């Protein structure tokens, strides 16, 4: 019956309440066919990971269990994700991650995903949420300088090596997320660990290498001098750290 329900749920996620089990040391992705999902029970075993797609904006869970070092990983997106859990049991080392994506040469870093998390009943040695911003894109590497031409014995002098171009600056890190957390009134504040730091700045681009001057050359009557080497390009500057997000905790 549960398999039939799961099949129907993946075709039409609201057709019936889902029961989702993620095995140990494995990864499962929720369907991206709808923005709203209703789970009767979600269990992620030890070292397992459940991936929530970017198009999902609302997730309702009646019963949640996370094993040792288990994770719920949330894909970055512009729209916030709202998660409502009636009963949650979290094991040591488990966490919810909504980190932004690091920047690349083609794409800027992405911010941590904004979250609204609500737990009506919660049992956990620690509630850990990681919603840091992504690391900034790296700076471009400078171009190497060209080498000078070697001299001739009857004409011409050795060419000088060209200077390498400067590396560009790293790009800024992305902002941390805005996290709104609602937990039971008796859940200890010291067990809540939420990280919304801005992403690290992108590394500096390295300056281009100096071009080598033309080599000296011994001729029949005289020796032709070699050309001077160029100068190496300067390294860029690391990008600035992204802005920190914020955390709001509400007691139910």
Protein backbone atom coordinates (compact mmCIF):
# COMPACT_ATOMS: atom_id res chain seq x y z
CA UNK A 1 0.00 0.00 0.00
CA UNK A 2 2.82 2.36 0.86
CA UNK A 3 4.48 1.74 -2.53
CA UNK A 4 1.24 2.52 -4.33
CA UNK A 5 0.85 5.67 -2.29
CA UNK A 6 4.41 6.73 -3.09
CA UNK A 7 3.86 6.13 -6.81
CA UNK A 8 0.67 8.16 -6.77
CA UNK A 9 2.34 10.87 -4.73
CA UNK A 10 5.21 11.27 -7.19
CA UNK A 11 2.69 11.63 -10.04
CA UNK A 12 0.35 13.86 -8.06
CA UNK A 13 2.10 14.80 -4.78
CA UNK A 14 -1.08 15.81 -3.00
CA UNK A 15 -3.05 12.71 -4.02
CA UNK A 16 -2.25 11.01 -0.72
CA UNK A 17 0.05 11.53 2.23
CA UNK A 18 3.57 10.36 1.48
CA UNK A 19 5.89 8.21 3.53
CA UNK A 20 9.48 8.83 2.50
CA UNK A 21 12.44 6.80 3.76
CA UNK A 22 16.03 7.68 2.85
CA UNK A 23 18.43 4.78 3.39
CA UNK A 24 21.79 5.08 5.17
CA UNK A 25 24.62 6.63 3.14
CA UNK A 26 22.29 7.44 0.26
CA UNK A 27 20.80 10.50 -1.44
CA UNK A 28 17.16 10.99 -2.40
CA UNK A 29 15.61 13.96 -4.18
CA UNK A 30 12.01 14.99 -3.64
CA UNK A 31 9.92 15.41 -6.82
CA UNK A 32 9.95 18.86 -8.43
CA UNK A 33 6.51 18.56 -9.98
CA UNK A 34 4.83 20.88 -7.49
CA UNK A 35 5.76 23.73 -5.16
CA UNK A 36 3.84 22.29 -2.17
CA UNK A 37 4.47 18.87 -0.62
CA UNK A 38 2.69 17.06 2.23
CA UNK A 39 4.56 14.20 3.95
CA UNK A 40 2.95 11.95 6.53
CA UNK A 41 6.37 10.69 7.62
CA UNK A 42 9.92 11.53 6.59
CA UNK A 43 12.80 9.42 7.90
CA UNK A 44 16.42 9.98 6.86
CA UNK A 45 18.68 7.22 8.18
CA UNK A 46 22.26 7.66 9.42
CA UNK A 47 24.47 9.61 6.96
CA UNK A 48 21.60 9.88 4.48
CA UNK A 49 20.63 13.05 2.64
CA UNK A 50 17.26 14.29 1.40
CA UNK A 51 17.48 16.95 -1.32
CA UNK A 52 14.70 19.54 -1.62
CA UNK A 53 14.49 21.07 -5.13
CA UNK A 54 14.52 24.81 -5.73
CA UNK A 55 10.91 24.98 -6.93
CA UNK A 56 9.51 23.60 -3.65
CA UNK A 57 8.35 26.52 -1.49
CA UNK A 58 6.21 24.75 1.13
CA UNK A 59 6.81 21.45 2.90
CA UNK A 60 4.49 20.08 5.58
CA UNK A 61 5.64 17.05 7.61
CA UNK A 62 3.63 15.26 10.27
CA UNK A 63 6.54 13.17 11.61
CA UNK A 64 10.24 13.83 10.96
CA UNK A 65 13.17 11.63 12.02
CA UNK A 66 16.79 12.38 11.19
CA UNK A 67 19.46 9.79 11.99
CA UNK A 68 23.08 10.32 13.01
CA UNK A 69 24.77 12.83 10.65
CA UNK A 70 21.66 12.82 8.45
CA UNK A 71 20.87 15.92 6.41
CA UNK A 72 18.07 17.77 4.72
CA UNK A 73 19.77 19.73 1.95
CA UNK A 74 17.86 22.61 0.36
CA UNK A 75 18.77 23.83 -3.12
CA UNK A 76 19.32 27.63 -3.39
CA UNK A 77 16.43 29.68 -4.80
CA UNK A 78 15.15 33.25 -4.77
CA UNK A 79 11.88 32.34 -3.04
CA UNK A 80 11.88 31.37 0.64
CA UNK A 81 11.05 27.83 1.77
CA UNK A 82 8.48 27.26 4.50
CA UNK A 83 8.75 24.01 6.46
CA UNK A 84 6.18 23.04 9.08
CA UNK A 85 6.81 19.95 11.23
CA UNK A 86 4.36 18.59 13.81
CA UNK A 87 6.76 16.15 15.52
CA UNK A 88 10.52 15.99 15.01
CA UNK A 89 13.16 13.67 16.43
CA UNK A 90 16.71 14.65 15.45
CA UNK A 91 19.84 12.61 16.22
CA UNK A 92 23.38 13.78 16.98
CA UNK A 93 25.09 15.51 14.06
CA UNK A 94 21.96 15.88 11.96
CA UNK A 95 21.35 19.22 10.27
CA UNK A 96 19.33 21.24 7.82
CA UNK A 97 21.44 22.97 5.18
CA UNK A 98 20.32 25.80 2.91
CA UNK A 99 23.72 27.13 1.86
CA UNK A 100 24.15 29.32 -1.16
CA UNK A 101 26.07 28.11 -4.19
CA UNK A 102 29.68 29.21 -4.81
CA UNK A 103 30.37 31.55 -7.69
CA UNK A 104 32.14 30.49 -10.86
CA UNK A 105 33.71 32.34 -13.78
CA UNK A 106 30.30 32.20 -15.49
CA UNK A 107 27.91 32.71 -12.54
CA UNK A 108 27.86 34.90 -9.45
CA UNK A 109 27.64 33.33 -5.99
CA UNK A 110 24.14 32.65 -4.66
CA UNK A 111 22.79 33.61 -1.27
CA UNK A 112 21.70 31.13 1.37
CA UNK A 113 18.03 30.27 0.94
CA UNK A 114 15.63 32.13 3.21
CA UNK A 115 13.81 29.74 5.54
CA UNK A 116 10.71 29.74 7.72
CA UNK A 117 11.02 26.66 9.96
CA UNK A 118 8.35 25.63 12.46
CA UNK A 119 8.55 22.69 14.89
CA UNK A 120 5.50 22.08 17.07
CA UNK A 121 7.23 19.28 19.02
CA UNK A 122 10.99 18.83 18.93
CA UNK A 123 13.39 16.33 20.51
CA UNK A 124 17.05 16.87 19.63
CA UNK A 125 20.50 17.14 21.25
CA UNK A 126 20.96 20.17 18.99
CA UNK A 127 19.05 21.90 16.21
CA UNK A 128 21.61 22.83 13.53
CA UNK A 129 20.80 24.98 10.50
CA UNK A 130 23.48 26.05 8.00
CA UNK A 131 22.29 28.84 5.71
CA UNK A 132 25.55 30.59 4.83
CA UNK A 133 26.04 32.48 1.60
CA UNK A 134 28.05 31.02 -1.25
CA UNK A 135 31.70 31.82 -1.81
CA UNK A 136 32.42 34.56 -4.32
CA UNK A 137 33.64 33.80 -7.82
CA UNK A 138 37.42 33.79 -8.29
CA UNK A 139 39.22 36.60 -10.08
CA UNK A 140 40.51 35.99 -13.59
CA UNK A 141 44.14 35.01 -14.02
CA UNK A 142 46.27 37.57 -15.86
CA UNK A 143 47.66 36.76 -19.30
CA UNK A 144 51.31 35.75 -19.56
CA UNK A 145 53.64 38.13 -21.34
CA UNK A 146 55.06 37.03 -24.68
CA UNK A 147 58.72 36.12 -25.01
CA UNK A 148 61.13 38.39 -26.89
CA UNK A 149 62.74 37.24 -30.13
CA UNK A 150 66.31 36.02 -30.16
CA UNK A 151 68.81 38.31 -31.90
CA UNK A 152 70.42 37.62 -35.29
CA UNK A 153 74.20 37.81 -35.94
CA UNK A 154 73.96 40.16 -38.92
CA UNK A 155 70.93 42.22 -38.03
CA UNK A 156 68.44 42.97 -35.25
CA UNK A 157 68.73 42.96 -31.50
CA UNK A 158 67.12 40.67 -28.93
CA UNK A 159 63.52 41.51 -28.18
CA UNK A 160 62.36 42.36 -24.68
CA UNK A 161 59.90 40.08 -22.94
CA UNK A 162 56.39 41.53 -22.59
CA UNK A 163 54.87 42.25 -19.19
CA UNK A 164 52.23 39.88 -17.82
CA UNK A 165 48.80 41.44 -17.28
CA UNK A 166 47.35 41.92 -13.80
CA UNK A 167 44.98 39.38 -12.27
CA UNK A 168 41.47 40.66 -11.53
CA UNK A 169 39.88 40.94 -8.08
CA UNK A 170 37.80 38.15 -6.61
CA UNK A 171 34.04 38.69 -6.53
CA UNK A 172 32.04 39.35 -3.33
CA UNK A 173 30.65 36.46 -1.30
CA UNK A 174 26.87 36.06 -1.34
CA UNK A 175 24.72 37.07 1.66
CA UNK A 176 23.63 34.65 4.33
CA UNK A 177 19.96 33.72 4.56
CA UNK A 178 17.11 35.18 6.58
CA UNK A 179 15.96 32.42 8.93
CA UNK A 180 12.76 32.53 10.96
CA UNK A 181 12.60 29.70 13.47
CA UNK A 182 9.63 28.66 15.59
CA UNK A 183 10.29 26.03 18.29
CA UNK A 184 8.49 24.73 21.39
CA UNK A 185 8.64 27.00 24.42
CA UNK A 186 10.62 24.45 26.46
CA UNK A 187 13.35 23.79 23.86
CA UNK A 188 16.64 25.18 25.28
CA UNK A 189 18.02 28.22 23.47
CA UNK A 190 21.61 26.96 23.82
CA UNK A 191 20.76 23.96 21.64
CA UNK A 192 19.84 26.15 18.67
CA UNK A 193 22.77 26.62 16.27
CA UNK A 194 22.00 28.65 13.15
CA UNK A 195 24.78 29.88 10.83
CA UNK A 196 23.83 32.70 8.46
CA UNK A 197 27.29 34.14 7.80
CA UNK A 198 27.99 35.76 4.46
CA UNK A 199 30.01 33.77 1.97
CA UNK A 200 33.78 34.18 1.79
CA UNK A 201 35.08 36.49 -0.90
CA UNK A 202 36.38 34.95 -4.08
CA UNK A 203 40.12 34.34 -4.31
CA UNK A 204 42.24 36.88 -6.17
CA UNK A 205 43.26 36.28 -9.74
CA UNK A 206 46.99 35.58 -10.11
CA UNK A 207 49.01 37.97 -12.25
CA UNK A 208 50.34 36.77 -15.58
CA UNK A 209 53.90 35.53 -15.85
CA UNK A 210 56.60 37.78 -17.26
CA UNK A 211 57.72 37.17 -20.80
CA UNK A 212 61.38 36.18 -21.22
CA UNK A 213 63.74 38.35 -23.22
CA UNK A 214 65.45 36.99 -26.29
CA UNK A 215 68.52 34.92 -25.44
CA UNK A 216 72.02 36.25 -26.06
CA UNK A 217 73.78 34.73 -29.02
CA UNK A 218 77.45 34.21 -29.74
CA UNK A 219 78.44 35.32 -33.26
CA UNK A 220 81.68 35.10 -35.28
CA UNK A 221 82.85 38.65 -34.49
CA UNK A 222 80.80 39.66 -31.50
CA UNK A 223 78.17 38.41 -29.07
CA UNK A 224 74.62 39.72 -29.39
CA UNK A 225 73.16 40.72 -26.06
CA UNK A 226 69.98 39.12 -24.76
CA UNK A 227 66.77 41.11 -24.25
CA UNK A 228 65.38 42.08 -20.89
CA UNK A 229 62.68 40.03 -19.25
CA UNK A 230 59.26 41.59 -18.81
CA UNK A 231 57.53 42.14 -15.48
CA UNK A 232 55.08 39.76 -13.91
CA UNK A 233 51.53 41.05 -13.57
CA UNK A 234 50.24 41.98 -10.13
CA UNK A 235 47.84 39.68 -8.30
CA UNK A 236 44.31 40.96 -7.79
CA UNK A 237 42.64 41.45 -4.42
CA UNK A 238 40.43 38.87 -2.65
CA UNK A 239 36.75 39.63 -2.87
CA UNK A 240 34.88 41.02 0.17
CA UNK A 241 32.91 38.78 2.50
CA UNK A 242 29.17 38.70 1.86
CA UNK A 243 26.68 40.32 4.22
CA UNK A 244 25.47 38.22 7.13
CA UNK A 245 21.86 37.12 7.23
CA UNK A 246 19.61 37.21 10.28
CA UNK A 247 17.94 34.77 12.69
CA UNK A 248 14.58 35.24 14.42
CA UNK A 249 13.45 32.72 17.03
CA UNK A 250 9.81 32.45 18.08
CA UNK A 251 8.46 30.31 20.92
CA UNK A 252 5.29 28.31 20.35
